[in-house]
């Protein structure tokens, strides 16, 4: 472990993100403390990004030969979200590699100017059958470039 302190993260504005997806909170998302439990945020990240890719024709979860596996994820929390609040997920791509992508997602309470939480995850795209890294398909790369 490093003895260096990590830089303090700050909320970001909506203008920092390239695409948005509405998220519907559910009764079961709240925990005993009256706000959305931290594990739900990671599900929202995955849902927002994959739905965007599927809708744009860049990801075929049923018959595609290339699939994305999460190898890293992280989240910073700034303000609580709770059911029945509406949430907007902002999406952007920070890095595109040969077979990997770093997605960054900001979660906003509906109408709020700053992120209630923001985080990232890294997908390594692999061959569905062998689970070995595979080059990003052209259709996926085009959608990713629009998110940079």
Protein backbone atom coordinates (compact mmCIF):
# COMPACT_ATOMS: atom_id res chain seq x y z
CA UNK A 1 0.00 0.00 0.00
CA UNK A 2 1.06 3.52 -0.69
CA UNK A 3 1.52 6.06 2.09
CA UNK A 4 0.53 8.86 -0.28
CA UNK A 5 -2.92 10.34 0.30
CA UNK A 6 -5.28 10.04 -2.64
CA UNK A 7 -6.61 13.19 -4.24
CA UNK A 8 -10.02 14.20 -2.93
CA UNK A 9 -12.68 13.64 -5.55
CA UNK A 10 -15.21 16.37 -6.26
CA UNK A 11 -18.68 16.25 -7.82
CA UNK A 12 -18.89 17.04 -11.53
CA UNK A 13 -21.41 18.87 -13.67
CA UNK A 14 -23.64 17.37 -16.32
CA UNK A 15 -21.51 18.98 -19.03
CA UNK A 16 -18.70 16.51 -18.19
CA UNK A 17 -20.71 13.62 -19.69
CA UNK A 18 -21.51 12.77 -23.32
CA UNK A 19 -24.73 10.73 -23.02
CA UNK A 20 -27.46 10.30 -20.42
CA UNK A 21 -29.78 7.49 -19.41
CA UNK A 22 -32.68 7.72 -16.94
CA UNK A 23 -32.61 5.30 -14.02
CA UNK A 24 -35.72 4.35 -12.09
CA UNK A 25 -35.10 3.73 -8.40
CA UNK A 26 -36.93 0.84 -6.79
CA UNK A 27 -38.31 0.36 -3.29
CA UNK A 28 -35.75 -2.39 -2.67
CA UNK A 29 -32.82 -0.08 -3.57
CA UNK A 30 -33.11 1.78 -0.23
CA UNK A 31 -31.31 0.39 2.76
CA UNK A 32 -32.15 0.64 6.46
CA UNK A 33 -30.58 4.13 6.54
CA UNK A 34 -33.15 5.48 4.08
CA UNK A 35 -30.98 5.92 1.00
CA UNK A 36 -29.90 3.81 -1.96
CA UNK A 37 -27.40 1.19 -0.83
CA UNK A 38 -23.89 1.54 -2.24
CA UNK A 39 -23.96 -1.77 -4.13
CA UNK A 40 -26.89 -0.54 -6.26
CA UNK A 41 -24.73 2.21 -7.77
CA UNK A 42 -22.48 -0.38 -9.41
CA UNK A 43 -25.53 -2.04 -10.95
CA UNK A 44 -26.61 1.33 -12.35
CA UNK A 45 -23.17 1.87 -13.90
CA UNK A 46 -23.35 -1.49 -15.66
CA UNK A 47 -26.97 -0.96 -16.74
CA UNK A 48 -26.39 2.54 -18.14
CA UNK A 49 -23.33 1.61 -20.19
CA UNK A 50 -24.56 -1.73 -21.51
CA UNK A 51 -28.01 -0.38 -22.41
CA UNK A 52 -26.35 2.45 -24.34
CA UNK A 53 -24.14 -0.01 -26.24
CA UNK A 54 -27.03 -2.37 -27.00
CA UNK A 55 -29.30 0.45 -28.22
CA UNK A 56 -26.55 1.72 -30.53
CA UNK A 57 -25.98 -1.74 -32.04
CA UNK A 58 -22.47 -2.01 -30.60
CA UNK A 59 -23.11 -4.95 -28.27
CA UNK A 60 -25.05 -8.15 -28.92
CA UNK A 61 -25.40 -9.86 -25.54
CA UNK A 62 -27.04 -12.97 -27.00
CA UNK A 63 -25.13 -13.80 -30.19
CA UNK A 64 -22.08 -11.52 -30.27
CA UNK A 65 -18.67 -13.15 -30.41
CA UNK A 66 -17.12 -10.45 -28.20
CA UNK A 67 -18.23 -9.74 -24.61
CA UNK A 68 -17.01 -7.29 -21.97
CA UNK A 69 -15.78 -8.50 -18.58
CA UNK A 70 -15.36 -6.03 -15.71
CA UNK A 71 -11.82 -6.07 -14.33
CA UNK A 72 -11.90 -2.90 -12.19
CA UNK A 73 -14.54 -0.68 -10.64
CA UNK A 74 -14.64 2.27 -8.25
CA UNK A 75 -17.16 4.84 -6.94
CA UNK A 76 -17.11 8.11 -4.98
CA UNK A 77 -20.26 9.29 -3.21
CA UNK A 78 -21.16 12.95 -2.67
CA UNK A 79 -24.90 13.13 -1.88
CA UNK A 80 -27.54 10.52 -1.07
CA UNK A 81 -30.08 9.21 -3.56
CA UNK A 82 -33.29 7.50 -2.43
CA UNK A 83 -36.45 5.84 -3.70
CA UNK A 84 -38.67 7.21 -5.28
CA UNK A 85 -36.16 9.72 -6.68
CA UNK A 86 -35.47 9.74 -10.41
CA UNK A 87 -31.79 9.45 -11.37
CA UNK A 88 -29.88 10.35 -14.53
CA UNK A 89 -26.72 8.40 -15.40
CA UNK A 90 -24.17 10.39 -17.40
CA UNK A 91 -21.75 8.29 -19.46
CA UNK A 92 -18.37 9.01 -21.00
CA UNK A 93 -15.33 7.04 -22.14
CA UNK A 94 -11.98 8.04 -20.66
CA UNK A 95 -9.77 5.53 -22.49
CA UNK A 96 -10.05 3.14 -25.41
CA UNK A 97 -7.38 0.46 -25.69
CA UNK A 98 -6.93 -2.43 -28.09
CA UNK A 99 -9.29 -4.68 -26.11
CA UNK A 100 -10.23 -2.58 -23.08
CA UNK A 101 -12.31 0.49 -22.27
CA UNK A 102 -12.53 2.72 -19.21
CA UNK A 103 -16.10 3.94 -18.77
CA UNK A 104 -16.90 6.78 -16.39
CA UNK A 105 -20.41 7.27 -15.06
CA UNK A 106 -21.89 10.14 -13.07
CA UNK A 107 -25.16 9.70 -11.21
CA UNK A 108 -27.36 12.77 -10.81
CA UNK A 109 -30.58 13.26 -8.92
CA UNK A 110 -33.09 14.34 -11.59
CA UNK A 111 -32.66 18.06 -12.21
CA UNK A 112 -29.53 18.32 -10.05
CA UNK A 113 -26.52 20.04 -11.62
CA UNK A 114 -23.78 18.01 -9.86
CA UNK A 115 -23.10 14.29 -9.44
CA UNK A 116 -24.43 12.58 -6.34
CA UNK A 117 -21.88 9.87 -7.15
CA UNK A 118 -19.34 9.19 -9.86
CA UNK A 119 -17.25 6.21 -10.69
CA UNK A 120 -15.66 4.09 -13.35
CA UNK A 121 -15.31 0.57 -14.51
CA UNK A 122 -13.00 -1.08 -17.00
CA UNK A 123 -14.23 -3.69 -19.43
CA UNK A 124 -11.78 -6.03 -21.11
CA UNK A 125 -13.44 -7.34 -24.24
CA UNK A 126 -12.87 -11.02 -24.81
CA UNK A 127 -13.85 -13.76 -27.23
CA UNK A 128 -17.09 -15.29 -25.87
CA UNK A 129 -15.83 -18.87 -26.35
CA UNK A 130 -12.17 -18.65 -25.28
CA UNK A 131 -12.42 -15.75 -22.78
CA UNK A 132 -9.15 -14.42 -24.22
CA UNK A 133 -8.79 -10.68 -25.00
CA UNK A 134 -10.13 -9.72 -28.41
CA UNK A 135 -9.79 -6.54 -30.47
CA UNK A 136 -12.71 -4.13 -30.10
CA UNK A 137 -15.18 -4.64 -32.95
CA UNK A 138 -15.44 -1.67 -35.33
CA UNK A 139 -19.10 -0.96 -34.45
CA UNK A 140 -18.21 -0.85 -30.75
CA UNK A 141 -15.18 1.37 -31.34
CA UNK A 142 -17.33 3.90 -33.25
CA UNK A 143 -19.85 4.16 -30.40
CA UNK A 144 -17.05 4.44 -27.86
CA UNK A 145 -15.39 7.27 -29.78
CA UNK A 146 -18.66 9.21 -29.65
CA UNK A 147 -18.51 8.95 -25.85
CA UNK A 148 -14.97 10.38 -25.56
